[in-house]
PDB file of N, CA and C in Angstrom:
ATOM      1  N   UNK A   1      16.968   1.492 -19.025  1.00  0.00           N
ATOM      2  CA  UNK A   1      16.093   0.592 -18.308  1.00  0.00           C
ATOM      3  C   UNK A   1      16.142   0.871 -16.794  1.00  0.00           C
ATOM      4  N   UNK A   2      17.335   1.051 -16.267  1.00  0.00           N
ATOM      5  CA  UNK A   2      17.477   1.325 -14.841  1.00  0.00           C
ATOM      6  C   UNK A   2      16.803   2.637 -14.458  1.00  0.00           C
ATOM      7  N   UNK A   3      16.924   3.646 -15.312  1.00  0.00           N
ATOM      8  CA  UNK A   3      16.290   4.934 -15.048  1.00  0.00           C
ATOM      9  C   UNK A   3      14.777   4.791 -14.975  1.00  0.00           C
ATOM     10  N   UNK A   4      14.202   3.987 -15.857  1.00  0.00           N
ATOM     11  CA  UNK A   4      12.754   3.748 -15.835  1.00  0.00           C
ATOM     12  C   UNK A   4      12.347   3.050 -14.549  1.00  0.00           C
ATOM     13  N   UNK A   5      13.132   2.073 -14.120  1.00  0.00           N
ATOM     14  CA  UNK A   5      12.831   1.351 -12.881  1.00  0.00           C
ATOM     15  C   UNK A   5      12.900   2.289 -11.681  1.00  0.00           C
ATOM     16  N   UNK A   6      13.879   3.165 -11.651  1.00  0.00           N
ATOM     17  CA  UNK A   6      13.992   4.139 -10.560  1.00  0.00           C
ATOM     18  C   UNK A   6      12.802   5.088 -10.558  1.00  0.00           C
ATOM     19  N   UNK A   7      12.367   5.487 -11.749  1.00  0.00           N
ATOM     20  CA  UNK A   7      11.203   6.359 -11.866  1.00  0.00           C
ATOM     21  C   UNK A   7       9.943   5.682 -11.383  1.00  0.00           C
ATOM     22  N   UNK A   8       9.773   4.397 -11.722  1.00  0.00           N
ATOM     23  CA  UNK A   8       8.611   3.638 -11.254  1.00  0.00           C
ATOM     24  C   UNK A   8       8.636   3.491  -9.738  1.00  0.00           C
ATOM     25  N   UNK A   9       9.809   3.207  -9.186  1.00  0.00           N
ATOM     26  CA  UNK A   9       9.948   3.047  -7.734  1.00  0.00           C
ATOM     27  C   UNK A   9       9.559   4.351  -7.029  1.00  0.00           C
ATOM     28  N   UNK A  10      10.045   5.460  -7.548  1.00  0.00           N
ATOM     29  CA  UNK A  10       9.734   6.763  -6.953  1.00  0.00           C
ATOM     30  C   UNK A  10       8.236   7.065  -7.054  1.00  0.00           C
ATOM     31  N   UNK A  11       7.650   6.770  -8.204  1.00  0.00           N
ATOM     32  CA  UNK A  11       6.226   7.017  -8.404  1.00  0.00           C
ATOM     33  C   UNK A  11       5.388   6.159  -7.456  1.00  0.00           C
ATOM     34  N   UNK A  12       5.751   4.889  -7.312  1.00  0.00           N
ATOM     35  CA  UNK A  12       5.034   3.993  -6.399  1.00  0.00           C
ATOM     36  C   UNK A  12       5.136   4.497  -4.965  1.00  0.00           C
ATOM     37  N   UNK A  13       6.315   4.908  -4.575  1.00  0.00           N
ATOM     38  CA  UNK A  13       6.504   5.419  -3.210  1.00  0.00           C
ATOM     39  C   UNK A  13       5.626   6.648  -2.964  1.00  0.00           C
ATOM     40  N   UNK A  14       5.569   7.538  -3.939  1.00  0.00           N
ATOM     41  CA  UNK A  14       4.756   8.742  -3.816  1.00  0.00           C
ATOM     42  C   UNK A  14       3.268   8.394  -3.673  1.00  0.00           C
ATOM     43  N   UNK A  15       2.794   7.425  -4.452  1.00  0.00           N
ATOM     44  CA  UNK A  15       1.386   7.012  -4.386  1.00  0.00           C
ATOM     45  C   UNK A  15       1.068   6.399  -3.027  1.00  0.00           C
ATOM     46  N   UNK A  16       1.961   5.549  -2.532  1.00  0.00           N
ATOM     47  CA  UNK A  16       1.749   4.925  -1.228  1.00  0.00           C
ATOM     48  C   UNK A  16       1.807   5.976  -0.123  1.00  0.00           C
ATOM     49  N   UNK A  17       2.754   6.894  -0.197  1.00  0.00           N
ATOM     50  CA  UNK A  17       2.833   7.979   0.794  1.00  0.00           C
ATOM     51  C   UNK A  17       1.526   8.773   0.835  1.00  0.00           C
ATOM     52  N   UNK A  18       1.006   9.119  -0.328  1.00  0.00           N
ATOM     53  CA  UNK A  18      -0.250   9.867  -0.387  1.00  0.00           C
ATOM     54  C   UNK A  18      -1.401   9.062   0.201  1.00  0.00           C
ATOM     55  N   UNK A  19      -1.453   7.775  -0.109  1.00  0.00           N
ATOM     56  CA  UNK A  19      -2.508   6.906   0.420  1.00  0.00           C
ATOM     57  C   UNK A  19      -2.427   6.841   1.943  1.00  0.00           C
ATOM     58  N   UNK A  20      -1.221   6.679   2.475  1.00  0.00           N
ATOM     59  CA  UNK A  20      -1.046   6.614   3.926  1.00  0.00           C
ATOM     60  C   UNK A  20      -1.428   7.950   4.565  1.00  0.00           C
ATOM     61  N   UNK A  21      -1.015   9.053   3.943  1.00  0.00           N
ATOM     62  CA  UNK A  21      -1.366  10.385   4.464  1.00  0.00           C
ATOM     63  C   UNK A  21      -2.880  10.565   4.549  1.00  0.00           C
ATOM     64  N   UNK A  22      -3.590  10.123   3.522  1.00  0.00           N
ATOM     65  CA  UNK A  22      -5.046  10.277   3.467  1.00  0.00           C
ATOM     66  C   UNK A  22      -5.784   9.358   4.429  1.00  0.00           C
ATOM     67  N   UNK A  23      -5.255   8.175   4.669  1.00  0.00           N
ATOM     68  CA  UNK A  23      -6.029   7.143   5.355  1.00  0.00           C
ATOM     69  C   UNK A  23      -5.556   6.738   6.744  1.00  0.00           C
ATOM     70  N   UNK A  24      -4.350   7.092   7.126  1.00  0.00           N
ATOM     71  CA  UNK A  24      -3.885   6.690   8.453  1.00  0.00           C
ATOM     72  C   UNK A  24      -4.445   7.625   9.525  1.00  0.00           C
ATOM     73  N   UNK A  25      -4.719   7.049  10.680  1.00  0.00           N
ATOM     74  CA  UNK A  25      -5.288   7.817  11.788  1.00  0.00           C
ATOM     75  C   UNK A  25      -4.337   8.893  12.281  1.00  0.00           C
ATOM     76  N   UNK A  26      -3.055   8.557  12.416  1.00  0.00           N
ATOM     77  CA  UNK A  26      -2.085   9.524  12.922  1.00  0.00           C
ATOM     78  C   UNK A  26      -0.774   9.379  12.156  1.00  0.00           C
ATOM     79  N   UNK A  27      -0.732   9.937  10.985  1.00  0.00           N
ATOM     80  CA  UNK A  27       0.436   9.836  10.110  1.00  0.00           C
ATOM     81  C   UNK A  27       1.685  10.396  10.780  1.00  0.00           C
ATOM     82  N   UNK A  28       1.534  11.371  11.661  1.00  0.00           N
ATOM     83  CA  UNK A  28       2.695  11.994  12.305  1.00  0.00           C
ATOM     84  C   UNK A  28       3.394  11.048  13.281  1.00  0.00           C
ATOM     85  N   UNK A  29       2.743   9.975  13.701  1.00  0.00           N
ATOM     86  CA  UNK A  29       3.339   9.018  14.639  1.00  0.00           C
ATOM     87  C   UNK A  29       4.248   8.003  13.941  1.00  0.00           C
ATOM     88  N   UNK A  30       4.233   7.988  12.624  1.00  0.00           N
ATOM     89  CA  UNK A  30       5.007   7.014  11.864  1.00  0.00           C
ATOM     90  C   UNK A  30       6.433   7.506  11.661  1.00  0.00           C
ATOM     91  N   UNK A  31       7.391   6.595  11.835  1.00  0.00           N
ATOM     92  CA  UNK A  31       8.788   6.930  11.578  1.00  0.00           C
ATOM     93  C   UNK A  31       9.530   5.679  11.104  1.00  0.00           C
ATOM     94  N   UNK A  32      10.776   5.847  10.724  1.00  0.00           N
ATOM     95  CA  UNK A  32      11.634   4.766  10.236  1.00  0.00           C
ATOM     96  C   UNK A  32      10.982   4.012   9.085  1.00  0.00           C
ATOM     97  N   UNK A  33      10.519   4.750   8.088  1.00  0.00           N
ATOM     98  CA  UNK A  33       9.832   4.153   6.943  1.00  0.00           C
ATOM     99  C   UNK A  33      10.863   3.648   5.931  1.00  0.00           C
ATOM    100  N   UNK A  34      10.657   2.406   5.480  1.00  0.00           N
ATOM    101  CA  UNK A  34      11.544   1.798   4.502  1.00  0.00           C
ATOM    102  C   UNK A  34      10.707   1.081   3.450  1.00  0.00           C
ATOM    103  N   UNK A  35      11.007   1.308   2.176  1.00  0.00           N
ATOM    104  CA  UNK A  35      10.258   0.724   1.061  1.00  0.00           C
ATOM    105  C   UNK A  35      11.064  -0.391   0.418  1.00  0.00           C
ATOM    106  N   UNK A  36      10.405  -1.521   0.145  1.00  0.00           N
ATOM    107  CA  UNK A  36      11.043  -2.622  -0.572  1.00  0.00           C
ATOM    108  C   UNK A  36      11.020  -2.326  -2.068  1.00  0.00           C
ATOM    109  N   UNK A  37      11.817  -3.052  -2.803  1.00  0.00           N
ATOM    110  CA  UNK A  37      11.869  -2.918  -4.259  1.00  0.00           C
ATOM    111  C   UNK A  37      10.512  -3.251  -4.868  1.00  0.00           C
ATOM    112  N   UNK A  38      10.110  -2.486  -5.851  1.00  0.00           N
ATOM    113  CA  UNK A  38       8.852  -2.675  -6.552  1.00  0.00           C
ATOM    114  C   UNK A  38       8.884  -3.984  -7.336  1.00  0.00           C
ATOM    115  N   UNK A  39       7.785  -4.730  -7.281  1.00  0.00           N
ATOM    116  CA  UNK A  39       7.651  -5.985  -8.012  1.00  0.00           C
ATOM    117  C   UNK A  39       6.275  -5.997  -8.665  1.00  0.00           C
ATOM    118  N   UNK A  40       5.951  -7.054  -9.396  1.00  0.00           N
ATOM    119  CA  UNK A  40       4.648  -7.130 -10.048  1.00  0.00           C
ATOM    120  C   UNK A  40       4.057  -8.525  -9.901  1.00  0.00           C
ATOM    121  N   UNK A  41       2.730  -8.606 -10.090  1.00  0.00           N
ATOM    122  CA  UNK A  41       2.033  -9.882 -10.038  1.00  0.00           C
ATOM    123  C   UNK A  41       0.788  -9.834 -10.914  1.00  0.00           C
ATOM    124  N   UNK A  42       0.399 -10.992 -11.371  1.00  0.00           N
ATOM    125  CA  UNK A  42      -0.880 -11.154 -12.069  1.00  0.00           C
ATOM    126  C   UNK A  42      -1.754 -12.136 -11.290  1.00  0.00           C
ATOM    127  N   UNK A  43      -1.372 -12.467 -10.077  1.00  0.00           N
ATOM    128  CA  UNK A  43      -2.032 -13.508  -9.292  1.00  0.00           C
ATOM    129  C   UNK A  43      -3.105 -12.995  -8.339  1.00  0.00           C
ATOM    130  N   UNK A  44      -3.343 -11.692  -8.316  1.00  0.00           N
ATOM    131  CA  UNK A  44      -4.317 -11.113  -7.392  1.00  0.00           C
ATOM    132  C   UNK A  44      -5.572 -10.737  -8.168  1.00  0.00           C
ATOM    133  N   UNK A  45      -6.655 -11.436  -7.894  1.00  0.00           N
ATOM    134  CA  UNK A  45      -7.922 -11.162  -8.568  1.00  0.00           C
ATOM    135  C   UNK A  45      -8.861 -10.347  -7.700  1.00  0.00           C
ATOM    136  N   UNK A  46     -10.054 -10.106  -8.228  1.00  0.00           N
ATOM    137  CA  UNK A  46     -11.046  -9.287  -7.535  1.00  0.00           C
ATOM    138  C   UNK A  46     -11.399  -9.824  -6.149  1.00  0.00           C
ATOM    139  N   UNK A  47     -11.544 -11.138  -6.004  1.00  0.00           N
ATOM    140  CA  UNK A  47     -11.943 -11.690  -4.704  1.00  0.00           C
ATOM    141  C   UNK A  47     -10.863 -11.459  -3.648  1.00  0.00           C
ATOM    142  N   UNK A  48      -9.588 -11.579  -4.031  1.00  0.00           N
ATOM    143  CA  UNK A  48      -8.507 -11.305  -3.077  1.00  0.00           C
ATOM    144  C   UNK A  48      -8.435  -9.823  -2.737  1.00  0.00           C
ATOM    145  N   UNK A  49      -8.657  -8.986  -3.718  1.00  0.00           N
ATOM    146  CA  UNK A  49      -8.658  -7.540  -3.466  1.00  0.00           C
ATOM    147  C   UNK A  49      -9.763  -7.183  -2.482  1.00  0.00           C
ATOM    148  N   UNK A  50     -10.953  -7.720  -2.691  1.00  0.00           N
ATOM    149  CA  UNK A  50     -12.067  -7.451  -1.775  1.00  0.00           C
ATOM    150  C   UNK A  50     -11.779  -7.991  -0.377  1.00  0.00           C
ATOM    151  N   UNK A  51     -11.155  -9.158  -0.283  1.00  0.00           N
ATOM    152  CA  UNK A  51     -10.805  -9.738   1.020  1.00  0.00           C
ATOM    153  C   UNK A  51      -9.776  -8.864   1.741  1.00  0.00           C
ATOM    154  N   UNK A  52      -8.777  -8.354   1.013  1.00  0.00           N
ATOM    155  CA  UNK A  52      -7.776  -7.474   1.630  1.00  0.00           C
ATOM    156  C   UNK A  52      -8.421  -6.174   2.103  1.00  0.00           C
ATOM    157  N   UNK A  53      -9.311  -5.624   1.286  1.00  0.00           N
ATOM    158  CA  UNK A  53      -9.993  -4.383   1.674  1.00  0.00           C
ATOM    159  C   UNK A  53     -10.844  -4.593   2.925  1.00  0.00           C
ATOM    160  N   UNK A  54     -11.522  -5.719   3.008  1.00  0.00           N
ATOM    161  CA  UNK A  54     -12.354  -6.016   4.178  1.00  0.00           C
ATOM    162  C   UNK A  54     -11.482  -6.176   5.427  1.00  0.00           C
ATOM    163  N   UNK A  55     -10.377  -6.893   5.307  1.00  0.00           N
ATOM    164  CA  UNK A  55      -9.462  -7.076   6.435  1.00  0.00           C
ATOM    165  C   UNK A  55      -8.852  -5.742   6.872  1.00  0.00           C
ATOM    166  N   UNK A  56      -8.562  -4.864   5.920  1.00  0.00           N
ATOM    167  CA  UNK A  56      -7.956  -3.563   6.229  1.00  0.00           C
ATOM    168  C   UNK A  56      -8.880  -2.700   7.085  1.00  0.00           C
ATOM    169  N   UNK A  57     -10.176  -2.900   6.961  1.00  0.00           N
ATOM    170  CA  UNK A  57     -11.131  -2.115   7.747  1.00  0.00           C
ATOM    171  C   UNK A  57     -11.009  -2.378   9.250  1.00  0.00           C
ATOM    172  N   UNK A  58     -10.328  -3.451   9.629  1.00  0.00           N
ATOM    173  CA  UNK A  58     -10.112  -3.774  11.050  1.00  0.00           C
ATOM    174  C   UNK A  58      -8.804  -3.192  11.579  1.00  0.00           C
ATOM    175  N   UNK A  59      -8.003  -2.627  10.697  1.00  0.00           N
ATOM    176  CA  UNK A  59      -6.696  -2.102  11.079  1.00  0.00           C
ATOM    177  C   UNK A  59      -6.871  -0.797  11.855  1.00  0.00           C
ATOM    178  N   UNK A  60      -6.434  -0.785  13.090  1.00  0.00           N
ATOM    179  CA  UNK A  60      -6.625   0.368  13.976  1.00  0.00           C
ATOM    180  C   UNK A  60      -5.744   1.567  13.624  1.00  0.00           C
ATOM    181  N   UNK A  61      -4.744   1.370  12.787  1.00  0.00           N
ATOM    182  CA  UNK A  61      -3.876   2.482  12.402  1.00  0.00           C
ATOM    183  C   UNK A  61      -4.490   3.346  11.303  1.00  0.00           C
ATOM    184  N   UNK A  62      -5.583   2.869  10.707  1.00  0.00           N
ATOM    185  CA  UNK A  62      -6.210   3.569   9.590  1.00  0.00           C
ATOM    186  C   UNK A  62      -7.583   4.097   9.961  1.00  0.00           C
ATOM    187  N   UNK A  63      -7.944   5.233   9.337  1.00  0.00           N
ATOM    188  CA  UNK A  63      -9.299   5.779   9.467  1.00  0.00           C
ATOM    189  C   UNK A  63     -10.252   4.862   8.709  1.00  0.00           C
ATOM    190  N   UNK A  64     -11.499   4.904   9.117  1.00  0.00           N
ATOM    191  CA  UNK A  64     -12.490   4.055   8.451  1.00  0.00           C
ATOM    192  C   UNK A  64     -13.696   4.879   8.047  1.00  0.00           C
ATOM    193  N   UNK A  65     -14.237   4.687   6.875  1.00  0.00           N
ATOM    194  CA  UNK A  65     -13.783   3.724   5.878  1.00  0.00           C
ATOM    195  C   UNK A  65     -12.519   4.203   5.178  1.00  0.00           C
ATOM    196  N   UNK A  66     -11.715   3.248   4.744  1.00  0.00           N
ATOM    197  CA  UNK A  66     -10.508   3.550   3.979  1.00  0.00           C
ATOM    198  C   UNK A  66     -10.940   3.953   2.574  1.00  0.00           C
ATOM    199  N   UNK A  67     -10.323   5.005   2.047  1.00  0.00           N
ATOM    200  CA  UNK A  67     -10.687   5.533   0.736  1.00  0.00           C
ATOM    201  C   UNK A  67      -9.722   5.024  -0.335  1.00  0.00           C
ATOM    202  N   UNK A  68     -10.286   4.347  -1.328  1.00  0.00           N
ATOM    203  CA  UNK A  68      -9.521   3.890  -2.488  1.00  0.00           C
ATOM    204  C   UNK A  68      -9.988   4.694  -3.704  1.00  0.00           C
ATOM    205  N   UNK A  69      -9.090   4.915  -4.647  1.00  0.00           N
ATOM    206  CA  UNK A  69      -9.464   5.608  -5.882  1.00  0.00           C
ATOM    207  C   UNK A  69     -10.435   4.740  -6.673  1.00  0.00           C
ATOM    208  N   UNK A  70     -11.299   5.384  -7.421  1.00  0.00           N
ATOM    209  CA  UNK A  70     -12.296   4.677  -8.230  1.00  0.00           C
ATOM    210  C   UNK A  70     -11.630   3.935  -9.383  1.00  0.00           C
ATOM    211  N   UNK A  71     -12.320   2.926  -9.882  1.00  0.00           N
ATOM    212  CA  UNK A  71     -11.844   2.193 -11.048  1.00  0.00           C
ATOM    213  C   UNK A  71     -11.622   0.730 -10.748  1.00  0.00           C
ATOM    214  N   UNK A  72     -11.626  -0.070 -11.793  1.00  0.00           N
ATOM    215  CA  UNK A  72     -11.398  -1.498 -11.654  1.00  0.00           C
ATOM    216  C   UNK A  72      -9.902  -1.793 -11.601  1.00  0.00           C
ATOM    217  N   UNK A  73      -9.511  -2.791 -10.811  1.00  0.00           N
ATOM    218  CA  UNK A  73      -8.094  -3.171 -10.769  1.00  0.00           C
ATOM    219  C   UNK A  73      -7.630  -3.701 -12.127  1.00  0.00           C
ATOM    220  N   UNK A  74      -6.398  -3.463 -12.454  1.00  0.00           N
ATOM    221  CA  UNK A  74      -5.816  -3.977 -13.692  1.00  0.00           C
ATOM    222  C   UNK A  74      -5.348  -5.418 -13.461  1.00  0.00           C
ATOM    223  N   UNK A  75      -5.277  -6.236 -14.516  1.00  0.00           N
ATOM    224  CA  UNK A  75      -4.805  -7.620 -14.337  1.00  0.00           C
ATOM    225  C   UNK A  75      -3.377  -7.688 -13.786  1.00  0.00           C
ATOM    226  N   UNK A  76      -2.530  -6.767 -14.188  1.00  0.00           N
ATOM    227  CA  UNK A  76      -1.175  -6.662 -13.656  1.00  0.00           C
ATOM    228  C   UNK A  76      -1.198  -5.652 -12.521  1.00  0.00           C
ATOM    229  N   UNK A  77      -0.645  -6.036 -11.383  1.00  0.00           N
ATOM    230  CA  UNK A  77      -0.527  -5.121 -10.250  1.00  0.00           C
ATOM    231  C   UNK A  77       0.933  -5.019  -9.841  1.00  0.00           C
ATOM    232  N   UNK A  78       1.327  -3.842  -9.394  1.00  0.00           N
ATOM    233  CA  UNK A  78       2.642  -3.661  -8.802  1.00  0.00           C
ATOM    234  C   UNK A  78       2.519  -3.793  -7.289  1.00  0.00           C
ATOM    235  N   UNK A  79       3.568  -4.302  -6.676  1.00  0.00           N
ATOM    236  CA  UNK A  79       3.580  -4.565  -5.242  1.00  0.00           C
ATOM    237  C   UNK A  79       4.790  -3.875  -4.627  1.00  0.00           C
ATOM    238  N   UNK A  80       4.589  -3.261  -3.471  1.00  0.00           N
ATOM    239  CA  UNK A  80       5.710  -2.778  -2.681  1.00  0.00           C
ATOM    240  C   UNK A  80       5.398  -2.986  -1.209  1.00  0.00           C
ATOM    241  N   UNK A  81       6.394  -3.370  -0.456  1.00  0.00           N
ATOM    242  CA  UNK A  81       6.241  -3.557   0.986  1.00  0.00           C
ATOM    243  C   UNK A  81       6.807  -2.329   1.694  1.00  0.00           C
ATOM    244  N   UNK A  82       6.112  -1.899   2.728  1.00  0.00           N
ATOM    245  CA  UNK A  82       6.540  -0.751   3.504  1.00  0.00           C
ATOM    246  C   UNK A  82       6.702  -1.183   4.958  1.00  0.00           C
ATOM    247  N   UNK A  83       7.915  -1.010   5.482  1.00  0.00           N
ATOM    248  CA  UNK A  83       8.194  -1.277   6.894  1.00  0.00           C
ATOM    249  C   UNK A  83       8.267   0.068   7.595  1.00  0.00           C
ATOM    250  N   UNK A  84       7.638   0.165   8.764  1.00  0.00           N
ATOM    251  CA  UNK A  84       7.654   1.418   9.510  1.00  0.00           C
ATOM    252  C   UNK A  84       7.407   1.149  10.978  1.00  0.00           C
ATOM    253  N   UNK A  85       7.608   2.161  11.781  1.00  0.00           N
ATOM    254  CA  UNK A  85       7.354   2.065  13.217  1.00  0.00           C
ATOM    255  C   UNK A  85       6.313   3.094  13.618  1.00  0.00           C
ATOM    256  N   UNK A  86       5.477   2.702  14.553  1.00  0.00           N
ATOM    257  CA  UNK A  86       4.554   3.607  15.230  1.00  0.00           C
ATOM    258  C   UNK A  86       4.923   3.477  16.702  1.00  0.00           C
ATOM    259  N   UNK A  87       5.612   4.498  17.212  1.00  0.00           N
ATOM    260  CA  UNK A  87       6.197   4.369  18.547  1.00  0.00           C
ATOM    261  C   UNK A  87       7.270   3.297  18.485  1.00  0.00           C
ATOM    262  N   UNK A  88       7.188   2.306  19.386  1.00  0.00           N
ATOM    263  CA  UNK A  88       8.131   1.189  19.381  1.00  0.00           C
ATOM    264  C   UNK A  88       7.616  -0.007  18.588  1.00  0.00           C
ATOM    265  N   UNK A  89       6.397   0.090  18.105  1.00  0.00           N
ATOM    266  CA  UNK A  89       5.758  -1.019  17.410  1.00  0.00           C
ATOM    267  C   UNK A  89       6.208  -1.074  15.947  1.00  0.00           C
ATOM    268  N   UNK A  90       6.719  -2.244  15.521  1.00  0.00           N
ATOM    269  CA  UNK A  90       7.129  -2.430  14.136  1.00  0.00           C
ATOM    270  C   UNK A  90       5.927  -2.895  13.315  1.00  0.00           C
ATOM    271  N   UNK A  91       5.740  -2.272  12.161  1.00  0.00           N
ATOM    272  CA  UNK A  91       4.609  -2.585  11.288  1.00  0.00           C
ATOM    273  C   UNK A  91       5.119  -2.851   9.879  1.00  0.00           C
ATOM    274  N   UNK A  92       4.334  -3.603   9.132  1.00  0.00           N
ATOM    275  CA  UNK A  92       4.683  -3.900   7.755  1.00  0.00           C
ATOM    276  C   UNK A  92       3.403  -4.014   6.939  1.00  0.00           C
ATOM    277  N   UNK A  93       3.312  -3.241   5.878  1.00  0.00           N
ATOM    278  CA  UNK A  93       2.172  -3.291   4.966  1.00  0.00           C
ATOM    279  C   UNK A  93       2.684  -3.655   3.576  1.00  0.00           C
ATOM    280  N   UNK A  94       1.865  -4.371   2.829  1.00  0.00           N
ATOM    281  CA  UNK A  94       2.139  -4.648   1.423  1.00  0.00           C
ATOM    282  C   UNK A  94       1.067  -3.945   0.614  1.00  0.00           C
ATOM    283  N   UNK A  95       1.491  -3.070  -0.290  1.00  0.00           N
ATOM    284  CA  UNK A  95       0.575  -2.280  -1.100  1.00  0.00           C
ATOM    285  C   UNK A  95       0.536  -2.814  -2.520  1.00  0.00           C
ATOM    286  N   UNK A  96      -0.678  -2.864  -3.074  1.00  0.00           N
ATOM    287  CA  UNK A  96      -0.920  -3.313  -4.441  1.00  0.00           C
ATOM    288  C   UNK A  96      -1.397  -2.106  -5.243  1.00  0.00           C
ATOM    289  N   UNK A  97      -0.661  -1.767  -6.288  1.00  0.00           N
ATOM    290  CA  UNK A  97      -0.955  -0.595  -7.114  1.00  0.00           C
ATOM    291  C   UNK A  97      -1.325  -1.043  -8.524  1.00  0.00           C
ATOM    292  N   UNK A  98      -2.130  -0.234  -9.202  1.00  0.00           N
ATOM    293  CA  UNK A  98      -2.539  -0.572 -10.570  1.00  0.00           C
ATOM    294  C   UNK A  98      -1.336  -0.520 -11.520  1.00  0.00           C
ATOM    295  N   UNK A  99      -1.521  -1.083 -12.706  1.00  0.00           N
ATOM    296  CA  UNK A  99      -0.432  -1.201 -13.682  1.00  0.00           C
ATOM    297  C   UNK A  99       0.109   0.145 -14.148  1.00  0.00           C
ATOM    298  N   UNK A 100      -0.710   1.186 -14.079  1.00  0.00           N
ATOM    299  CA  UNK A 100      -0.276   2.523 -14.499  1.00  0.00           C
ATOM    300  C   UNK A 100       0.396   3.310 -13.378  1.00  0.00           C
ATOM    301  N   UNK A 101       0.489   2.689 -12.193  1.00  0.00           N
ATOM    302  CA  UNK A 101       1.049   3.350 -11.011  1.00  0.00           C
ATOM    303  C   UNK A 101       0.363   4.681 -10.741  1.00  0.00           C
ATOM    304  N   UNK A 102      -0.987   4.613 -10.687  1.00  0.00           N
ATOM    305  CA  UNK A 102      -1.752   5.827 -10.401  1.00  0.00           C
ATOM    306  C   UNK A 102      -2.537   5.733  -9.101  1.00  0.00           C
ATOM    307  N   UNK A 103      -2.691   4.500  -8.551  1.00  0.00           N
ATOM    308  CA  UNK A 103      -3.508   4.377  -7.345  1.00  0.00           C
ATOM    309  C   UNK A 103      -3.241   3.065  -6.617  1.00  0.00           C
ATOM    310  N   UNK A 104      -3.520   3.070  -5.323  1.00  0.00           N
ATOM    311  CA  UNK A 104      -3.495   1.860  -4.505  1.00  0.00           C
ATOM    312  C   UNK A 104      -4.844   1.178  -4.693  1.00  0.00           C
ATOM    313  N   UNK A 105      -4.834  -0.103  -5.011  1.00  0.00           N
ATOM    314  CA  UNK A 105      -6.091  -0.839  -5.161  1.00  0.00           C
ATOM    315  C   UNK A 105      -6.405  -1.666  -3.919  1.00  0.00           C
ATOM    316  N   UNK A 106      -5.378  -2.020  -3.135  1.00  0.00           N
ATOM    317  CA  UNK A 106      -5.581  -2.765  -1.896  1.00  0.00           C
ATOM    318  C   UNK A 106      -4.253  -2.788  -1.128  1.00  0.00           C
ATOM    319  N   UNK A 107      -4.346  -3.171   0.141  1.00  0.00           N
ATOM    320  CA  UNK A 107      -3.132  -3.394   0.934  1.00  0.00           C
ATOM    321  C   UNK A 107      -3.441  -4.392   2.022  1.00  0.00           C
ATOM    322  N   UNK A 108      -2.390  -5.002   2.536  1.00  0.00           N
ATOM    323  CA  UNK A 108      -2.545  -5.886   3.686  1.00  0.00           C
ATOM    324  C   UNK A 108      -1.461  -5.552   4.686  1.00  0.00           C
ATOM    325  N   UNK A 109      -1.787  -5.727   5.954  1.00  0.00           N
ATOM    326  CA  UNK A 109      -0.853  -5.407   7.028  1.00  0.00           C
ATOM    327  C   UNK A 109      -0.413  -6.673   7.745  1.00  0.00           C
ATOM    328  N   UNK A 110       0.840  -6.701   8.118  1.00  0.00           N
ATOM    329  CA  UNK A 110       1.367  -7.745   8.982  1.00  0.00           C
ATOM    330  C   UNK A 110       1.787  -7.054  10.269  1.00  0.00           C
ATOM    331  N   UNK A 111       0.958  -7.167  11.287  1.00  0.00           N
ATOM    332  CA  UNK A 111       1.251  -6.496  12.543  1.00  0.00           C
ATOM    333  C   UNK A 111       0.489  -7.174  13.663  1.00  0.00           C
ATOM    334  N   UNK A 112       0.956  -6.997  14.869  1.00  0.00           N
ATOM    335  CA  UNK A 112       0.244  -7.497  16.036  1.00  0.00           C
ATOM    336  C   UNK A 112      -0.897  -6.563  16.362  1.00  0.00           C
ATOM    337  N   UNK A 113      -2.029  -7.126  16.714  1.00  0.00           N
ATOM    338  CA  UNK A 113      -3.163  -6.292  17.119  1.00  0.00           C
ATOM    339  C   UNK A 113      -3.079  -5.966  18.580  1.00  0.00           C
TER     340      UNK A 113
END
């Protein structure tokens, strides 16, 4: 069981890393990256996903439009929080991944504008 959890954590981290690489304006400026333990939820529906995607379009650290993989979100989503720094600025994003751990369906940022 622990081995499966470690594998899921690694897979989630890889998916989030790829998403950040594809969508961040300056990925090379990011350092001190730390990932929280993977968790799951069934409480995020389509309207919340659309609201998070709309809010993300205002995030200056990301290119616009942000590219998400095609497909409908699954009822079960995995969640991981990523803490990182851009220069001296501390940032925190929460990523929502599909149940198969194949793609990011949405994310939200907690940061000062």
